[in-house]
């Protein structure tokens, strides 16, 4: 699955808002980033990708 730029920008904006206004610490963001990289290397990665595609398809109506 190729992640579109708008999805990356949206998630980046959510992280920025959480950091700026909700008290997200830098080490929280780094831990989430490392967790994401490690999770992408597991056998669950294709299932996670399918779920994300299904949710995005449901939201956009495709």
C-alpha atoms as a PDB file:
ATOM      1  CA  UNK A   1       0.000   0.000   0.000  1.00  0.00           C
ATOM      2  CA  UNK A   2       1.364   3.369  -0.890  1.00  0.00           C
ATOM      3  CA  UNK A   3       0.426   6.021   1.598  1.00  0.00           C
ATOM      4  CA  UNK A   4      -0.779   9.175  -0.018  1.00  0.00           C
ATOM      5  CA  UNK A   5       0.743  12.495   0.909  1.00  0.00           C
ATOM      6  CA  UNK A   6      -2.548  13.903   2.290  1.00  0.00           C
ATOM      7  CA  UNK A   7      -2.828  10.982   4.732  1.00  0.00           C
ATOM      8  CA  UNK A   8       0.743  11.549   5.890  1.00  0.00           C
ATOM      9  CA  UNK A   9       0.072  15.283   6.274  1.00  0.00           C
ATOM     10  CA  UNK A  10      -3.129  14.598   8.242  1.00  0.00           C
ATOM     11  CA  UNK A  11      -1.389  12.243  10.659  1.00  0.00           C
ATOM     12  CA  UNK A  12       1.520  14.663  10.959  1.00  0.00           C
ATOM     13  CA  UNK A  13      -0.883  17.467  11.787  1.00  0.00           C
ATOM     14  CA  UNK A  14      -2.540  15.325  14.459  1.00  0.00           C
ATOM     15  CA  UNK A  15       0.842  14.582  16.032  1.00  0.00           C
ATOM     16  CA  UNK A  16       1.764  18.272  15.940  1.00  0.00           C
ATOM     17  CA  UNK A  17      -1.525  19.243  17.612  1.00  0.00           C
ATOM     18  CA  UNK A  18      -1.033  16.555  20.251  1.00  0.00           C
ATOM     19  CA  UNK A  19       2.508  17.784  20.865  1.00  0.00           C
ATOM     20  CA  UNK A  20       1.565  21.451  20.967  1.00  0.00           C
ATOM     21  CA  UNK A  21      -1.729  21.411  22.848  1.00  0.00           C
ATOM     22  CA  UNK A  22      -2.193  18.033  24.536  1.00  0.00           C
ATOM     23  CA  UNK A  23       1.167  17.680  26.237  1.00  0.00           C
ATOM     24  CA  UNK A  24       2.717  15.032  24.009  1.00  0.00           C
ATOM     25  CA  UNK A  25       6.365  14.837  24.957  1.00  0.00           C
ATOM     26  CA  UNK A  26       9.154  14.329  22.454  1.00  0.00           C
ATOM     27  CA  UNK A  27       9.974  10.910  23.870  1.00  0.00           C
ATOM     28  CA  UNK A  28       6.320   9.865  23.426  1.00  0.00           C
ATOM     29  CA  UNK A  29       6.512  10.745  19.746  1.00  0.00           C
ATOM     30  CA  UNK A  30       9.834   8.938  19.347  1.00  0.00           C
ATOM     31  CA  UNK A  31       8.464   5.844  21.090  1.00  0.00           C
ATOM     32  CA  UNK A  32       5.413   5.863  18.794  1.00  0.00           C
ATOM     33  CA  UNK A  33       7.671   6.244  15.755  1.00  0.00           C
ATOM     34  CA  UNK A  34       9.869   3.321  16.786  1.00  0.00           C
ATOM     35  CA  UNK A  35       6.780   1.229  17.551  1.00  0.00           C
ATOM     36  CA  UNK A  36       5.405   2.004  14.087  1.00  0.00           C
ATOM     37  CA  UNK A  37       8.619   0.924  12.395  1.00  0.00           C
ATOM     38  CA  UNK A  38       8.767  -2.277  14.423  1.00  0.00           C
ATOM     39  CA  UNK A  39       5.104  -3.013  13.777  1.00  0.00           C
ATOM     40  CA  UNK A  40       5.603  -2.539  10.045  1.00  0.00           C
ATOM     41  CA  UNK A  41       8.216  -5.308  10.116  1.00  0.00           C
ATOM     42  CA  UNK A  42       5.864  -7.889  11.674  1.00  0.00           C
ATOM     43  CA  UNK A  43       3.509 -10.328  10.006  1.00  0.00           C
ATOM     44  CA  UNK A  44       0.629  -8.059  11.030  1.00  0.00           C
ATOM     45  CA  UNK A  45       1.694  -5.355   8.570  1.00  0.00           C
ATOM     46  CA  UNK A  46      -0.496  -6.611   5.660  1.00  0.00           C
ATOM     47  CA  UNK A  47      -3.539  -6.869   7.943  1.00  0.00           C
ATOM     48  CA  UNK A  48      -2.967  -3.380   9.313  1.00  0.00           C
ATOM     49  CA  UNK A  49      -2.606  -2.100   5.763  1.00  0.00           C
ATOM     50  CA  UNK A  50      -5.906  -3.734   4.761  1.00  0.00           C
ATOM     51  CA  UNK A  51      -7.684  -2.213   7.759  1.00  0.00           C
ATOM     52  CA  UNK A  52      -6.338   1.257   6.944  1.00  0.00           C
ATOM     53  CA  UNK A  53      -7.393   0.877   3.301  1.00  0.00           C
ATOM     54  CA  UNK A  54     -10.871  -0.292   4.361  1.00  0.00           C
ATOM     55  CA  UNK A  55     -11.317   2.628   6.767  1.00  0.00           C
ATOM     56  CA  UNK A  56     -10.106   5.175   4.205  1.00  0.00           C
ATOM     57  CA  UNK A  57     -12.367   3.587   1.575  1.00  0.00           C
ATOM     58  CA  UNK A  58     -15.320   3.700   3.954  1.00  0.00           C
ATOM     59  CA  UNK A  59     -14.673   7.369   4.800  1.00  0.00           C
ATOM     60  CA  UNK A  60     -14.240   8.390   1.162  1.00  0.00           C
ATOM     61  CA  UNK A  61     -17.089   6.202  -0.091  1.00  0.00           C
ATOM     62  CA  UNK A  62     -14.998   4.007  -2.405  1.00  0.00           C
END
